[in-house]
Amino acid sequence: MVNIAIFASGSGSNAENIVRYFESHPCISVSLILTNKADAYVLERAKKLNIPAVVFSKTEMNESDSLLNLLIENKIDWLILAGFLLKVPDNLIAAFPNRILNIHPALLPKYGGKGMYGSRVHEAIVAAGEKESGITIHFVNNHYDEGQIAFQATCPVLPSDTADDVANKVHALEYEHFPPVIEKIISDSL
């Protein structure tokens, strides 16, 4: 069994979607949900889904091996970032080479990098008059949103679209594509 840990910083709707997708999977299991925010709604979702959840501090993530040790103790094979806002530290990248995936709510390399997340991305896309947006699923490296792109899907941005309209289209793409892309990448690695 391949064990996944999902990292999330917010409501956790993508995390829940991933958990539900893999609930009866014969080879892949979501074993742990981790967050850096004690008030993140993803913790409620984890409780309802019966998935163990852990809250950790930025210090624990960046200045010790406690998070890495937790992942090792739980026999985690892959890290999935689903709305996780902190930069992944070098020790985790080294311990999980080419086994950390992130989803970004835009078509990288555009609208990526530090500070480009959530509504900020959609507002920038609308302000720039872009004709399309979408999602990028990519491997995580030592730089924000610069890892190898594994998958992209697009949606139109209409002249009348607000940032919220774009966000809704992008969320639909996330829910549709993220779990099966995770499954394919993990299956291809076995």
Protein backbone atom coordinates (compact mmCIF):
# COMPACT_ATOMS: atom_id res chain seq x y z
CA MET A 1 0.00 0.00 0.00
CA VAL A 2 1.25 3.48 -0.92
CA ASN A 3 0.57 5.91 1.92
CA ILE A 4 -0.20 9.56 1.17
CA ALA A 5 -0.01 12.51 3.54
CA ILE A 6 -2.02 15.56 2.51
CA PHE A 7 -0.80 19.02 3.56
CA ALA A 8 -3.47 21.75 3.66
CA SER A 9 -3.71 25.21 5.21
CA GLY A 10 -7.39 26.05 4.74
CA SER A 11 -10.84 24.58 4.32
CA GLY A 12 -9.60 21.30 2.91
CA SER A 13 -12.14 20.76 0.13
CA ASN A 14 -9.42 19.38 -2.16
CA ALA A 15 -8.13 17.21 0.67
CA GLU A 16 -11.61 15.76 1.22
CA ASN A 17 -12.01 15.16 -2.50
CA ILE A 18 -8.71 13.26 -2.57
CA VAL A 19 -9.60 11.19 0.52
CA ARG A 20 -12.96 10.21 -0.97
CA TYR A 21 -11.35 9.31 -4.30
CA PHE A 22 -8.92 6.89 -2.65
CA GLU A 23 -11.31 5.48 0.02
CA SER A 24 -11.51 2.02 -1.53
CA HIS A 25 -8.40 2.11 -3.68
CA PRO A 26 -6.54 -1.21 -3.65
CA CYS A 27 -3.03 0.33 -3.65
CA ILE A 28 -3.18 3.95 -2.46
CA SER A 29 -4.37 5.24 0.91
CA VAL A 30 -4.57 8.69 2.50
CA SER A 31 -3.01 8.01 5.89
CA LEU A 32 -2.50 11.45 7.36
CA ILE A 33 -3.65 15.05 7.00
CA LEU A 34 -1.29 17.79 8.17
CA THR A 35 -1.84 21.50 8.62
CA ASN A 36 0.08 24.50 9.87
CA LYS A 37 -3.11 26.20 11.12
CA ALA A 38 -4.86 25.05 14.29
CA ASP A 39 -8.13 26.63 13.13
CA ALA A 40 -8.09 25.23 9.57
CA TYR A 41 -11.40 23.63 8.60
CA VAL A 42 -9.46 20.74 7.07
CA LEU A 43 -9.17 19.42 10.66
CA GLU A 44 -12.99 19.08 10.85
CA ARG A 45 -13.01 17.32 7.50
CA ALA A 46 -10.28 14.92 8.68
CA LYS A 47 -12.31 14.11 11.80
CA LYS A 48 -15.45 13.36 9.73
CA LEU A 49 -13.40 11.23 7.32
CA ASN A 50 -11.63 9.33 10.14
CA ILE A 51 -8.20 10.36 8.90
CA PRO A 52 -5.59 11.17 11.56
CA ALA A 53 -4.67 14.85 11.50
CA VAL A 54 -1.71 16.72 12.93
CA VAL A 55 -1.17 20.45 13.45
CA PHE A 56 2.45 21.58 13.31
CA SER A 57 4.19 24.93 13.61
CA LYS A 58 6.32 26.64 11.00
CA THR A 59 9.25 26.19 13.41
CA GLU A 60 8.63 22.42 13.65
CA MET A 61 8.56 22.27 9.87
CA ASN A 62 11.61 24.39 9.17
CA GLU A 63 13.95 24.07 12.14
CA SER A 64 13.74 20.45 13.22
CA ASP A 65 13.21 16.96 11.92
CA SER A 66 10.04 16.41 13.98
CA LEU A 67 7.75 16.64 10.93
CA LEU A 68 10.02 14.39 8.87
CA ASN A 69 10.15 11.89 11.75
CA LEU A 70 6.34 11.92 11.96
CA LEU A 71 6.09 11.13 8.24
CA ILE A 72 8.62 8.31 8.58
CA GLU A 73 6.84 6.87 11.65
CA ASN A 74 3.59 6.84 9.67
CA LYS A 75 5.29 5.14 6.71
CA ILE A 76 4.33 7.97 4.33
CA ASP A 77 5.44 7.48 0.73
CA TRP A 78 4.05 10.61 -1.00
CA LEU A 79 3.26 14.17 0.08
CA ILE A 80 0.33 15.94 -1.59
CA LEU A 81 -0.04 19.69 -1.16
CA ALA A 82 -3.68 20.73 -1.46
CA GLY A 83 -3.98 24.40 -0.60
CA PHE A 84 -0.84 24.38 1.50
CA LEU A 85 0.75 27.82 1.71
CA LEU A 86 4.18 27.28 3.28
CA LYS A 87 7.34 26.56 1.32
CA VAL A 88 8.38 22.93 1.74
CA PRO A 89 11.76 22.78 3.52
CA ASP A 90 14.84 21.16 2.03
CA ASN A 91 14.84 18.21 4.44
CA LEU A 92 11.39 17.07 3.21
CA ILE A 93 12.30 17.61 -0.44
CA ALA A 94 15.44 15.51 0.08
CA ALA A 95 13.52 12.77 1.91
CA PHE A 96 10.76 12.61 -0.74
CA PRO A 97 12.55 13.17 -4.06
CA ASN A 98 10.01 13.44 -6.89
CA ARG A 99 7.31 12.34 -4.44
CA ILE A 100 5.80 15.71 -3.51
CA LEU A 101 2.97 17.06 -5.67
CA ASN A 102 1.33 20.46 -5.51
CA ILE A 103 -1.69 21.93 -7.27
CA HIS A 104 -1.57 25.58 -8.30
CA PRO A 105 -4.68 27.56 -9.34
CA ALA A 106 -3.19 28.98 -12.55
CA LEU A 107 -1.26 27.92 -15.63
CA LEU A 108 2.35 28.01 -14.49
CA PRO A 109 4.81 29.53 -15.09
CA LYS A 110 2.39 32.50 -15.16
CA TYR A 111 0.93 33.71 -11.86
CA GLY A 112 3.15 31.59 -9.63
CA GLY A 113 5.71 32.26 -6.96
CA LYS A 114 5.72 33.55 -3.42
CA GLY A 115 2.48 35.27 -2.46
CA MET A 116 0.55 34.00 -5.48
CA TYR A 117 -2.20 31.83 -4.05
CA GLY A 118 -5.97 31.67 -3.85
CA SER A 119 -7.93 34.80 -4.70
CA ARG A 120 -4.73 36.76 -5.36
CA VAL A 121 -4.09 34.57 -8.41
CA HIS A 122 -7.63 34.91 -9.79
CA GLU A 123 -7.66 38.69 -9.23
CA ALA A 124 -4.34 39.03 -11.09
CA ILE A 125 -5.65 36.94 -14.01
CA VAL A 126 -8.82 39.05 -14.34
CA ALA A 127 -6.86 42.31 -13.98
CA ALA A 128 -4.47 41.22 -16.75
CA GLY A 129 -7.34 40.43 -19.11
CA GLU A 130 -6.24 36.83 -19.61
CA LYS A 131 -8.39 34.73 -21.95
CA GLU A 132 -7.82 31.50 -20.03
CA SER A 133 -6.77 30.15 -16.67
CA GLY A 134 -6.63 26.69 -15.19
CA ILE A 135 -4.66 24.42 -12.93
CA THR A 136 -1.13 23.15 -12.82
CA ILE A 137 -0.15 19.99 -10.96
CA HIS A 138 3.60 19.96 -10.47
CA PHE A 139 6.39 18.31 -8.54
CA VAL A 140 7.76 20.39 -5.68
CA ASN A 141 11.34 21.57 -5.67
CA ASN A 142 13.24 24.19 -3.66
CA HIS A 143 11.50 27.15 -5.34
CA TYR A 144 7.84 28.21 -5.19
CA ASP A 145 5.90 26.83 -8.17
CA GLU A 146 8.97 26.00 -10.26
CA GLY A 147 8.99 22.19 -10.12
CA GLN A 148 8.45 20.00 -13.16
CA ILE A 149 4.91 20.33 -14.50
CA ALA A 150 3.03 17.02 -14.54
CA PHE A 151 -0.39 18.16 -15.77
CA GLN A 152 -2.35 21.25 -16.78
CA ALA A 153 -6.02 21.82 -17.57
CA THR A 154 -7.54 25.06 -18.82
CA CYS A 155 -10.78 26.97 -18.57
CA PRO A 156 -11.89 30.10 -20.43
CA VAL A 157 -11.87 33.49 -18.74
CA LEU A 158 -14.67 35.60 -20.16
CA PRO A 159 -14.50 39.42 -20.27
CA SER A 160 -17.45 39.49 -17.84
CA ASP A 161 -15.83 37.05 -15.34
CA THR A 162 -14.99 38.22 -11.84
CA ALA A 163 -12.19 36.72 -9.76
CA ASP A 164 -14.86 34.61 -8.01
CA ASP A 165 -16.11 33.31 -11.37
CA VAL A 166 -12.59 32.27 -12.30
CA ALA A 167 -12.10 30.69 -8.87
CA ASN A 168 -15.23 28.57 -9.34
CA LYS A 169 -14.06 27.34 -12.74
CA VAL A 170 -10.60 26.55 -11.37
CA HIS A 171 -12.04 24.70 -8.34
CA ALA A 172 -14.09 22.52 -10.69
CA LEU A 173 -10.90 21.61 -12.57
CA GLU A 174 -9.10 20.85 -9.29
CA TYR A 175 -11.85 18.50 -8.12
CA GLU A 176 -12.05 16.78 -11.50
CA HIS A 177 -8.35 16.29 -12.20
CA PHE A 178 -6.23 16.29 -9.03
CA PRO A 179 -7.16 12.82 -7.65
CA PRO A 180 -6.83 10.90 -10.95
CA VAL A 181 -3.56 12.68 -11.78
CA ILE A 182 -2.19 11.75 -8.33
CA GLU A 183 -3.27 8.16 -8.96
CA LYS A 184 -1.61 8.03 -12.38
CA ILE A 185 1.67 9.57 -11.21
CA ILE A 186 1.91 7.25 -8.21
CA SER A 187 0.91 4.18 -10.25
CA ASP A 188 3.47 5.04 -12.95
CA SER A 189 6.17 5.28 -10.26
CA LEU A 190 5.59 1.77 -8.91
